[in-house]
Amino acid sequence: MTAPMNLTEGGSLYDRIGPDALAALVGAFYRRVAADADLAPIFPADLGLTAEKQVAFLTGFLGGPPLYHQRFGNPMLRARHLPHEITPRRAKAWLACMSAALADTHQIAQAEAQELYAALARVAAHMVNTPDTATER
């Protein structure tokens, strides 16, 4: 799940999106996460480091420099997320936050936004580790 995206004629998805737009996307995304009733409980109150890690991860995932590996080691996405109850409902909420952030990040063209969303939808499905009923009380 951490292999970089494929290259196209326009370069990697990272090349086509660019670091500034990626940072703007992550900022818009985490503003939504902080306000989401399903997601906020599994994230730290201060999302600064989390956002920094997300930018670093997405940079490498999308074909840019391996920033996450350089700063934090192997992402081991599923293992790092196992302590958190990631349900299908939370994965859907996570993707909804990302979809809204992509729509609001006008520096990212629609084709690149769709390609990124499709890749992240696969990652979100892979991260699910708990059935929805576990958190419904």
N, C-alpha and C. Protein backbone atom coordinates (compact mmCIF):
# COMPACT_ATOMS: atom_id res chain seq x y z
N MET A 1 0.79 -1.20 0.00
CA MET A 1 0.00 0.00 0.00
C MET A 1 0.84 1.27 0.00
N THR A 2 2.13 1.17 0.09
CA THR A 2 2.94 2.38 0.12
C THR A 2 3.77 2.56 -1.14
N ALA A 3 3.56 1.74 -2.16
CA ALA A 3 4.30 1.89 -3.41
C ALA A 3 3.87 3.17 -4.11
N PRO A 4 4.82 3.88 -4.69
CA PRO A 4 4.45 5.13 -5.36
C PRO A 4 3.52 4.89 -6.55
N MET A 5 2.81 5.92 -6.90
CA MET A 5 1.90 5.88 -8.04
C MET A 5 2.71 5.73 -9.33
N ASN A 6 2.05 5.23 -10.36
CA ASN A 6 2.69 5.06 -11.66
C ASN A 6 2.94 6.39 -12.34
N LEU A 7 3.95 6.41 -13.18
CA LEU A 7 4.24 7.60 -13.98
C LEU A 7 3.34 7.63 -15.20
N THR A 8 3.00 8.83 -15.64
CA THR A 8 2.27 9.02 -16.89
C THR A 8 3.10 9.99 -17.73
N GLU A 9 2.55 10.39 -18.87
CA GLU A 9 3.27 11.34 -19.73
C GLU A 9 3.56 12.65 -19.00
N GLY A 10 2.66 13.05 -18.07
CA GLY A 10 2.85 14.29 -17.34
C GLY A 10 3.70 14.14 -16.10
N GLY A 11 4.27 12.97 -15.90
CA GLY A 11 5.07 12.70 -14.71
C GLY A 11 4.24 11.99 -13.66
N SER A 12 4.78 11.91 -12.47
CA SER A 12 4.07 11.26 -11.38
C SER A 12 2.88 12.13 -10.96
N LEU A 13 1.97 11.54 -10.22
CA LEU A 13 0.85 12.32 -9.70
C LEU A 13 1.36 13.44 -8.80
N TYR A 14 2.43 13.18 -8.07
CA TYR A 14 3.05 14.23 -7.26
C TYR A 14 3.52 15.40 -8.14
N ASP A 15 4.17 15.07 -9.26
CA ASP A 15 4.64 16.10 -10.18
C ASP A 15 3.47 16.92 -10.72
N ARG A 16 2.38 16.25 -11.02
CA ARG A 16 1.23 16.93 -11.61
C ARG A 16 0.45 17.76 -10.58
N ILE A 17 0.44 17.33 -9.33
CA ILE A 17 -0.25 18.08 -8.29
C ILE A 17 0.64 19.18 -7.73
N GLY A 18 1.86 18.83 -7.39
CA GLY A 18 2.81 19.79 -6.84
C GLY A 18 2.73 19.89 -5.33
N PRO A 19 3.86 20.26 -4.70
CA PRO A 19 3.93 20.29 -3.24
C PRO A 19 3.02 21.32 -2.59
N ASP A 20 2.83 22.47 -3.22
CA ASP A 20 1.98 23.50 -2.62
C ASP A 20 0.52 23.07 -2.58
N ALA A 21 0.04 22.52 -3.69
CA ALA A 21 -1.34 22.06 -3.74
C ALA A 21 -1.55 20.88 -2.79
N LEU A 22 -0.55 20.00 -2.69
CA LEU A 22 -0.65 18.87 -1.77
C LEU A 22 -0.75 19.36 -0.33
N ALA A 23 0.05 20.33 0.05
CA ALA A 23 -0.01 20.89 1.40
C ALA A 23 -1.36 21.56 1.65
N ALA A 24 -1.88 22.27 0.66
CA ALA A 24 -3.19 22.91 0.80
C ALA A 24 -4.28 21.85 0.98
N LEU A 25 -4.18 20.76 0.21
CA LEU A 25 -5.15 19.67 0.33
C LEU A 25 -5.14 19.08 1.74
N VAL A 26 -3.96 18.79 2.25
CA VAL A 26 -3.86 18.18 3.58
C VAL A 26 -4.40 19.13 4.65
N GLY A 27 -4.13 20.42 4.52
CA GLY A 27 -4.68 21.38 5.47
C GLY A 27 -6.20 21.40 5.44
N ALA A 28 -6.77 21.44 4.23
CA ALA A 28 -8.23 21.44 4.09
C ALA A 28 -8.82 20.13 4.61
N PHE A 29 -8.14 19.04 4.38
CA PHE A 29 -8.60 17.73 4.84
C PHE A 29 -8.66 17.66 6.37
N TYR A 30 -7.58 18.06 7.03
CA TYR A 30 -7.55 17.93 8.49
C TYR A 30 -8.46 18.93 9.19
N ARG A 31 -8.79 20.04 8.56
CA ARG A 31 -9.81 20.92 9.13
C ARG A 31 -11.15 20.19 9.18
N ARG A 32 -11.42 19.40 8.18
CA ARG A 32 -12.66 18.62 8.15
C ARG A 32 -12.60 17.46 9.15
N VAL A 33 -11.47 16.79 9.21
CA VAL A 33 -11.32 15.67 10.15
C VAL A 33 -11.57 16.15 11.58
N ALA A 34 -11.01 17.29 11.94
CA ALA A 34 -11.16 17.81 13.31
C ALA A 34 -12.61 18.08 13.66
N ALA A 35 -13.44 18.38 12.66
CA ALA A 35 -14.84 18.70 12.90
C ALA A 35 -15.77 17.50 12.72
N ASP A 36 -15.23 16.36 12.33
CA ASP A 36 -16.05 15.19 12.05
C ASP A 36 -16.25 14.35 13.31
N ALA A 37 -17.50 14.11 13.67
CA ALA A 37 -17.83 13.39 14.91
C ALA A 37 -17.31 11.95 14.91
N ASP A 38 -17.21 11.31 13.76
CA ASP A 38 -16.71 9.94 13.69
C ASP A 38 -15.18 9.88 13.73
N LEU A 39 -14.53 10.89 13.18
CA LEU A 39 -13.08 10.84 13.04
C LEU A 39 -12.32 11.52 14.17
N ALA A 40 -12.81 12.64 14.63
CA ALA A 40 -12.08 13.42 15.65
C ALA A 40 -11.66 12.58 16.85
N PRO A 41 -12.48 11.64 17.33
CA PRO A 41 -12.07 10.87 18.52
C PRO A 41 -10.82 10.00 18.33
N ILE A 42 -10.48 9.65 17.10
CA ILE A 42 -9.32 8.78 16.90
C ILE A 42 -8.08 9.56 16.46
N PHE A 43 -8.19 10.89 16.42
CA PHE A 43 -7.05 11.73 16.06
C PHE A 43 -6.64 12.57 17.26
N PRO A 44 -5.37 12.98 17.30
CA PRO A 44 -4.95 13.86 18.40
C PRO A 44 -5.60 15.24 18.27
N ALA A 45 -5.72 15.92 19.41
CA ALA A 45 -6.32 17.27 19.39
C ALA A 45 -5.50 18.22 18.53
N ASP A 46 -4.19 18.12 18.60
CA ASP A 46 -3.30 18.94 17.78
C ASP A 46 -2.93 18.12 16.55
N LEU A 47 -3.44 18.53 15.41
CA LEU A 47 -3.23 17.76 14.18
C LEU A 47 -2.00 18.21 13.40
N GLY A 48 -1.18 19.07 13.97
CA GLY A 48 -0.01 19.59 13.26
C GLY A 48 0.94 18.51 12.80
N LEU A 49 1.39 17.66 13.71
CA LEU A 49 2.32 16.59 13.34
C LEU A 49 1.65 15.56 12.43
N THR A 50 0.39 15.29 12.69
CA THR A 50 -0.36 14.35 11.85
C THR A 50 -0.41 14.86 10.41
N ALA A 51 -0.69 16.13 10.24
CA ALA A 51 -0.74 16.72 8.90
C ALA A 51 0.64 16.69 8.24
N GLU A 52 1.65 16.98 9.03
CA GLU A 52 3.03 16.93 8.50
C GLU A 52 3.38 15.53 8.01
N LYS A 53 3.00 14.53 8.80
CA LYS A 53 3.24 13.14 8.39
C LYS A 53 2.45 12.79 7.14
N GLN A 54 1.22 13.28 7.06
CA GLN A 54 0.39 12.98 5.89
C GLN A 54 1.00 13.59 4.62
N VAL A 55 1.46 14.83 4.71
CA VAL A 55 2.12 15.44 3.54
C VAL A 55 3.35 14.61 3.16
N ALA A 56 4.15 14.22 4.13
CA ALA A 56 5.35 13.44 3.85
C ALA A 56 4.98 12.10 3.22
N PHE A 57 3.97 11.43 3.78
CA PHE A 57 3.56 10.15 3.22
C PHE A 57 3.04 10.31 1.80
N LEU A 58 2.10 11.25 1.61
CA LEU A 58 1.52 11.42 0.28
C LEU A 58 2.55 11.83 -0.75
N THR A 59 3.54 12.60 -0.36
CA THR A 59 4.60 12.99 -1.29
C THR A 59 5.25 11.75 -1.90
N GLY A 60 5.67 10.82 -1.06
CA GLY A 60 6.29 9.60 -1.56
C GLY A 60 5.31 8.68 -2.26
N PHE A 61 4.12 8.54 -1.69
CA PHE A 61 3.08 7.67 -2.25
C PHE A 61 2.70 8.09 -3.67
N LEU A 62 2.73 9.39 -3.91
CA LEU A 62 2.33 9.90 -5.22
C LEU A 62 3.50 10.02 -6.20
N GLY A 63 4.66 9.55 -5.78
CA GLY A 63 5.80 9.50 -6.70
C GLY A 63 6.84 10.58 -6.49
N GLY A 64 6.71 11.35 -5.42
CA GLY A 64 7.70 12.38 -5.11
C GLY A 64 8.80 11.83 -4.22
N PRO A 65 9.58 12.70 -3.62
CA PRO A 65 10.66 12.26 -2.74
C PRO A 65 10.13 11.45 -1.55
N PRO A 66 10.91 10.50 -1.06
CA PRO A 66 10.46 9.62 0.04
C PRO A 66 10.57 10.31 1.40
N LEU A 67 9.87 11.41 1.57
CA LEU A 67 10.00 12.21 2.79
C LEU A 67 9.61 11.43 4.05
N TYR A 68 8.54 10.66 3.97
CA TYR A 68 8.12 9.93 5.16
C TYR A 68 9.18 8.93 5.57
N HIS A 69 9.67 8.18 4.63
CA HIS A 69 10.72 7.19 4.92
C HIS A 69 11.94 7.86 5.55
N GLN A 70 12.32 9.01 5.02
CA GLN A 70 13.50 9.72 5.51
C GLN A 70 13.32 10.22 6.94
N ARG A 71 12.13 10.69 7.28
CA ARG A 71 11.90 11.28 8.61
C ARG A 71 11.37 10.31 9.64
N PHE A 72 10.52 9.36 9.20
CA PHE A 72 9.81 8.53 10.17
C PHE A 72 10.00 7.03 9.97
N GLY A 73 10.71 6.63 8.94
CA GLY A 73 10.91 5.20 8.67
C GLY A 73 9.82 4.65 7.77
N ASN A 74 9.73 3.35 7.73
CA ASN A 74 8.73 2.68 6.90
C ASN A 74 7.33 3.05 7.38
N PRO A 75 6.44 3.45 6.47
CA PRO A 75 5.11 3.86 6.91
C PRO A 75 4.30 2.75 7.61
N MET A 76 4.47 1.52 7.19
CA MET A 76 3.71 0.41 7.79
C MET A 76 2.28 0.85 8.12
N LEU A 77 1.57 1.32 7.11
CA LEU A 77 0.26 1.94 7.32
C LEU A 77 -0.69 1.12 8.18
N ARG A 78 -0.91 -0.09 7.79
CA ARG A 78 -1.90 -0.90 8.53
C ARG A 78 -1.44 -1.11 9.97
N ALA A 79 -0.20 -1.44 10.18
CA ALA A 79 0.31 -1.68 11.54
C ALA A 79 0.20 -0.41 12.40
N ARG A 80 0.52 0.74 11.83
CA ARG A 80 0.44 1.99 12.60
C ARG A 80 -1.00 2.37 12.93
N HIS A 81 -1.95 1.89 12.14
CA HIS A 81 -3.34 2.23 12.38
C HIS A 81 -4.09 1.19 13.22
N LEU A 82 -3.48 0.04 13.47
CA LEU A 82 -4.17 -1.01 14.23
C LEU A 82 -4.63 -0.59 15.62
N PRO A 83 -3.93 0.28 16.33
CA PRO A 83 -4.42 0.67 17.66
C PRO A 83 -5.74 1.47 17.62
N HIS A 84 -6.13 1.93 16.45
CA HIS A 84 -7.33 2.74 16.31
C HIS A 84 -8.44 1.91 15.68
N GLU A 85 -9.66 2.09 16.17
CA GLU A 85 -10.79 1.38 15.58
C GLU A 85 -11.18 2.07 14.28
N ILE A 86 -10.73 1.49 13.19
CA ILE A 86 -11.05 2.02 11.87
C ILE A 86 -12.13 1.13 11.29
N THR A 87 -13.33 1.66 11.30
CA THR A 87 -14.51 0.94 10.85
C THR A 87 -14.83 1.33 9.41
N PRO A 88 -15.68 0.57 8.73
CA PRO A 88 -16.12 1.01 7.41
C PRO A 88 -16.75 2.41 7.45
N ARG A 89 -17.49 2.70 8.51
CA ARG A 89 -18.11 4.02 8.65
C ARG A 89 -17.04 5.11 8.74
N ARG A 90 -15.99 4.87 9.51
CA ARG A 90 -14.92 5.85 9.63
C ARG A 90 -14.14 5.98 8.32
N ALA A 91 -13.94 4.87 7.63
CA ALA A 91 -13.26 4.94 6.33
C ALA A 91 -14.08 5.78 5.36
N LYS A 92 -15.38 5.62 5.39
CA LYS A 92 -16.27 6.41 4.53
C LYS A 92 -16.21 7.89 4.92
N ALA A 93 -16.20 8.18 6.22
CA ALA A 93 -16.10 9.56 6.69
C ALA A 93 -14.77 10.17 6.28
N TRP A 94 -13.68 9.39 6.39
CA TRP A 94 -12.35 9.84 5.99
C TRP A 94 -12.34 10.22 4.51
N LEU A 95 -12.94 9.35 3.70
CA LEU A 95 -12.99 9.62 2.27
C LEU A 95 -13.89 10.82 1.95
N ALA A 96 -14.96 11.00 2.71
CA ALA A 96 -15.83 12.16 2.50
C ALA A 96 -15.06 13.45 2.81
N CYS A 97 -14.27 13.44 3.86
CA CYS A 97 -13.44 14.61 4.18
C CYS A 97 -12.44 14.87 3.07
N MET A 98 -11.85 13.81 2.54
CA MET A 98 -10.88 13.96 1.45
C MET A 98 -11.55 14.45 0.18
N SER A 99 -12.72 13.93 -0.12
CA SER A 99 -13.45 14.36 -1.31
C SER A 99 -13.79 15.85 -1.23
N ALA A 100 -14.26 16.29 -0.08
CA ALA A 100 -14.58 17.71 0.10
C ALA A 100 -13.32 18.57 0.02
N ALA A 101 -12.23 18.10 0.60
CA ALA A 101 -10.97 18.84 0.54
C ALA A 101 -10.46 18.93 -0.90
N LEU A 102 -10.59 17.85 -1.65
CA LEU A 102 -10.18 17.87 -3.05
C LEU A 102 -11.03 18.87 -3.85
N ALA A 103 -12.31 18.90 -3.56
CA ALA A 103 -13.20 19.83 -4.27
C ALA A 103 -12.84 21.28 -3.95
N ASP A 104 -12.37 21.53 -2.74
CA ASP A 104 -12.04 22.89 -2.32
C ASP A 104 -10.62 23.31 -2.66
N THR A 105 -9.78 22.36 -3.04
CA THR A 105 -8.39 22.69 -3.38
C THR A 105 -8.33 22.92 -4.88
N HIS A 106 -8.54 24.16 -5.25
CA HIS A 106 -8.70 24.50 -6.67
C HIS A 106 -7.42 24.37 -7.48
N GLN A 107 -6.27 24.21 -6.81
CA GLN A 107 -5.02 24.05 -7.54
C GLN A 107 -4.90 22.65 -8.14
N ILE A 108 -5.75 21.72 -7.71
CA ILE A 108 -5.67 20.35 -8.21
C ILE A 108 -6.73 20.14 -9.29
N ALA A 109 -6.28 19.81 -10.49
CA ALA A 109 -7.19 19.59 -11.61
C ALA A 109 -8.08 18.38 -11.34
N GLN A 110 -9.22 18.36 -11.98
CA GLN A 110 -10.20 17.31 -11.75
C GLN A 110 -9.64 15.91 -12.04
N ALA A 111 -8.89 15.76 -13.11
CA ALA A 111 -8.35 14.44 -13.46
C ALA A 111 -7.41 13.93 -12.36
N GLU A 112 -6.56 14.81 -11.86
CA GLU A 112 -5.63 14.42 -10.79
C GLU A 112 -6.39 14.16 -9.49
N ALA A 113 -7.40 14.97 -9.21
CA ALA A 113 -8.21 14.76 -8.01
C ALA A 113 -8.89 13.39 -8.06
N GLN A 114 -9.41 13.02 -9.21
CA GLN A 114 -10.07 11.72 -9.35
C GLN A 114 -9.07 10.57 -9.19
N GLU A 115 -7.90 10.73 -9.77
CA GLU A 115 -6.86 9.70 -9.66
C GLU A 115 -6.41 9.53 -8.21
N LEU A 116 -6.21 10.66 -7.53
CA LEU A 116 -5.80 10.61 -6.13
C LEU A 116 -6.90 10.00 -5.27
N TYR A 117 -8.14 10.40 -5.48
CA TYR A 117 -9.24 9.87 -4.68
C TYR A 117 -9.35 8.35 -4.87
N ALA A 118 -9.22 7.88 -6.09
CA ALA A 118 -9.31 6.44 -6.35
C ALA A 118 -8.21 5.68 -5.60
N ALA A 119 -7.01 6.22 -5.60
CA ALA A 119 -5.90 5.57 -4.89
C ALA A 119 -6.17 5.58 -3.38
N LEU A 120 -6.66 6.70 -2.86
CA LEU A 120 -6.92 6.79 -1.42
C LEU A 120 -8.11 5.95 -1.00
N ALA A 121 -9.06 5.73 -1.89
CA ALA A 121 -10.18 4.85 -1.58
C ALA A 121 -9.68 3.42 -1.35
N ARG A 122 -8.71 3.00 -2.12
CA ARG A 122 -8.12 1.67 -1.92
C ARG A 122 -7.38 1.60 -0.58
N VAL A 123 -6.66 2.67 -0.25
CA VAL A 123 -5.94 2.71 1.02
C VAL A 123 -6.93 2.69 2.18
N ALA A 124 -7.99 3.48 2.09
CA ALA A 124 -8.99 3.53 3.17
C ALA A 124 -9.62 2.16 3.40
N ALA A 125 -9.93 1.46 2.34
CA ALA A 125 -10.51 0.12 2.48
C ALA A 125 -9.51 -0.82 3.16
N HIS A 126 -8.25 -0.68 2.83
CA HIS A 126 -7.20 -1.53 3.41
C HIS A 126 -7.01 -1.25 4.91
N MET A 127 -7.29 -0.05 5.34
CA MET A 127 -7.07 0.34 6.74
C MET A 127 -8.17 -0.16 7.68
N VAL A 128 -9.33 -0.53 7.17
CA VAL A 128 -10.43 -0.98 8.02
C VAL A 128 -9.99 -2.19 8.82
N ASN A 129 -10.15 -2.10 10.15
CA ASN A 129 -9.71 -3.18 11.04
C ASN A 129 -10.75 -3.56 12.08
N THR A 130 -11.93 -2.93 12.04
CA THR A 130 -12.96 -3.15 13.04
C THR A 130 -14.32 -3.04 12.37
N PRO A 131 -15.25 -3.95 12.67
CA PRO A 131 -16.59 -3.79 12.09
C PRO A 131 -17.32 -2.57 12.67
N ASP A 132 -18.25 -2.05 11.94
CA ASP A 132 -19.00 -0.88 12.42
C ASP A 132 -19.66 -1.11 13.77
N THR A 133 -20.14 -2.28 14.01
CA THR A 133 -20.88 -2.55 15.25
C THR A 133 -20.03 -2.37 16.49
N ALA A 134 -18.72 -2.43 16.36
CA ALA A 134 -17.84 -2.31 17.53
C ALA A 134 -17.89 -0.91 18.15
N THR A 135 -18.16 0.10 17.34
CA THR A 135 -18.17 1.47 17.88
C THR A 135 -19.58 2.02 18.03
N GLU A 136 -20.58 1.26 17.60
CA GLU A 136 -21.96 1.72 17.77
C GLU A 136 -22.42 1.36 19.17
N ARG A 137 -22.81 2.35 19.92
CA ARG A 137 -23.21 2.09 21.29
C ARG A 137 -24.49 2.76 21.61
